Amino acid sequence: MQDFKNLRLWQLAREFVSDIYKLTTTFPSHELHSMTNQLRRASYSIPSNIAEGSGKGSQKEFKRYLSIVSGSIKEVECFLILARDLNYINEQQLTELTQKLEIIGKMNSKLTNKLY
């Protein structure tokens, strides 16, 4: 398996986590243990599962972890929409972040398809 740190997918996902952490510092303090925590956990699940899957030693296992990545991408998107609905972020922030998620999702799909 390839070193996950060399995967552009992992690099973009890692940058995305930083974006989410910066963004969530502006969320209301009463959301710290709910939406803030859940959004952060879902976002760092993306690069974490890429890294973990790459170390499993088989393409089949790696593909399974990339499937988990797909789910985490959708979970993050859901939380971002809810954050916009609650006026924690604006439409422009939602658009920018979901565009980044879309790129990560497409790269994840391409990598998944290359494994078989």
Protein backbone atom coordinates (compact mmCIF):
# COMPACT_ATOMS: atom_id res chain seq x y z
CA MET A 1 0.00 0.00 0.00
CA GLN A 2 1.04 3.57 -0.65
CA ASP A 3 2.06 5.82 2.26
CA PHE A 4 -1.11 7.74 3.09
CA LYS A 5 0.83 10.97 3.58
CA ASN A 6 1.62 10.95 -0.15
CA LEU A 7 -2.04 10.70 -1.16
CA ARG A 8 -3.41 14.03 -2.38
CA LEU A 9 -6.79 12.90 -1.05
CA TRP A 10 -5.41 12.63 2.48
CA GLN A 11 -3.62 15.99 2.16
CA LEU A 12 -6.83 17.78 1.11
CA ALA A 13 -8.83 16.04 3.82
CA ARG A 14 -6.28 17.12 6.41
CA GLU A 15 -6.52 20.74 5.24
CA PHE A 16 -10.31 20.46 5.40
CA VAL A 17 -10.13 19.44 9.07
CA SER A 18 -8.21 22.65 9.77
CA ASP A 19 -10.94 24.64 8.01
CA ILE A 20 -13.59 22.99 10.18
CA TYR A 21 -11.71 23.60 13.41
CA LYS A 22 -11.24 27.28 12.53
CA LEU A 23 -14.88 27.60 11.56
CA THR A 24 -16.27 25.94 14.67
CA THR A 25 -14.40 28.31 16.98
CA THR A 26 -17.09 30.83 16.00
CA PHE A 27 -19.99 28.56 16.98
CA PRO A 28 -21.93 29.41 20.14
CA SER A 29 -20.36 28.04 23.33
CA HIS A 30 -23.50 26.03 24.13
CA GLU A 31 -22.77 23.97 20.98
CA LEU A 32 -19.30 22.93 22.16
CA HIS A 33 -20.36 19.46 23.28
CA SER A 34 -22.93 18.90 20.56
CA MET A 35 -22.69 20.25 17.01
CA THR A 36 -19.14 21.58 17.32
CA ASN A 37 -17.89 18.26 18.66
CA GLN A 38 -19.85 16.17 16.15
CA LEU A 39 -18.76 18.27 13.16
CA ARG A 40 -15.13 18.12 14.21
CA ARG A 41 -15.26 14.36 14.79
CA ALA A 42 -16.92 13.71 11.45
CA SER A 43 -14.36 15.89 9.66
CA TYR A 44 -11.31 14.24 11.19
CA SER A 45 -12.82 10.87 10.48
CA ILE A 46 -12.12 11.53 6.79
CA PRO A 47 -8.29 11.68 6.85
CA SER A 48 -8.14 9.24 9.77
CA ASN A 49 -9.96 6.51 7.86
CA ILE A 50 -7.84 7.12 4.77
CA ALA A 51 -4.73 6.66 6.89
CA GLU A 52 -6.03 3.64 8.77
CA GLY A 53 -7.32 1.93 5.65
CA SER A 54 -4.05 2.40 3.81
CA GLY A 55 -2.29 0.52 6.57
CA LYS A 56 -4.53 -2.54 6.58
CA GLY A 57 -2.50 -4.34 3.97
CA SER A 58 -5.18 -5.32 1.50
CA GLN A 59 -7.05 -3.44 -1.17
CA LYS A 60 -10.32 -4.93 0.04
CA GLU A 61 -9.83 -3.52 3.54
CA PHE A 62 -8.67 -0.18 2.19
CA LYS A 63 -11.79 0.00 0.05
CA ARG A 64 -13.94 -0.67 3.13
CA TYR A 65 -12.32 2.26 4.95
CA LEU A 66 -12.82 4.50 1.92
CA SER A 67 -16.50 3.60 2.12
CA ILE A 68 -16.50 4.91 5.69
CA VAL A 69 -14.88 8.08 4.34
CA SER A 70 -17.85 8.52 1.97
CA GLY A 71 -20.23 8.31 4.90
CA SER A 72 -18.23 10.85 6.90
CA ILE A 73 -18.27 13.26 3.97
CA LYS A 74 -22.08 13.12 3.90
CA GLU A 75 -22.25 13.51 7.67
CA VAL A 76 -20.08 16.64 7.53
CA GLU A 77 -22.21 18.04 4.72
CA CYS A 78 -25.35 17.46 6.79
CA PHE A 79 -23.86 19.27 9.81
CA LEU A 80 -22.77 22.18 7.63
CA ILE A 81 -26.29 22.56 6.25
CA LEU A 82 -27.69 22.46 9.79
CA ALA A 83 -25.12 25.05 10.88
CA ARG A 84 -26.28 27.30 8.06
CA ASP A 85 -29.91 26.72 9.02
CA LEU A 86 -29.07 27.78 12.58
CA ASN A 87 -27.17 30.84 11.30
CA TYR A 88 -23.83 29.62 12.65
CA ILE A 89 -22.38 29.94 9.15
CA ASN A 90 -23.50 31.89 6.11
CA GLU A 91 -24.34 30.69 2.61
CA GLN A 92 -20.90 31.58 1.23
CA GLN A 93 -19.15 29.54 3.93
CA LEU A 94 -21.47 26.61 3.25
CA THR A 95 -20.77 26.82 -0.49
CA GLU A 96 -16.99 27.00 -0.06
CA LEU A 97 -16.86 24.08 2.34
CA THR A 98 -19.25 21.87 0.39
CA GLN A 99 -17.21 22.51 -2.77
CA LYS A 100 -14.11 21.28 -0.95
CA LEU A 101 -16.07 18.26 0.28
CA GLU A 102 -17.19 17.55 -3.27
CA ILE A 103 -13.59 17.49 -4.48
CA ILE A 104 -12.60 15.19 -1.62
CA GLY A 105 -15.58 12.96 -2.38
CA LYS A 106 -14.71 12.69 -6.07
CA MET A 107 -11.09 11.87 -5.27
CA ASN A 108 -12.25 9.27 -2.76
CA SER A 109 -14.50 7.67 -5.39
CA LYS A 110 -11.69 7.58 -7.94
CA LEU A 111 -9.34 5.94 -5.47
CA THR A 112 -12.00 3.45 -4.45
CA ASN A 113 -12.65 2.52 -8.08
CA LYS A 114 -8.92 2.04 -8.72
CA LEU A 115 -8.71 -0.57 -5.99
CA TYR A 116 -10.63 -3.18 -8.03
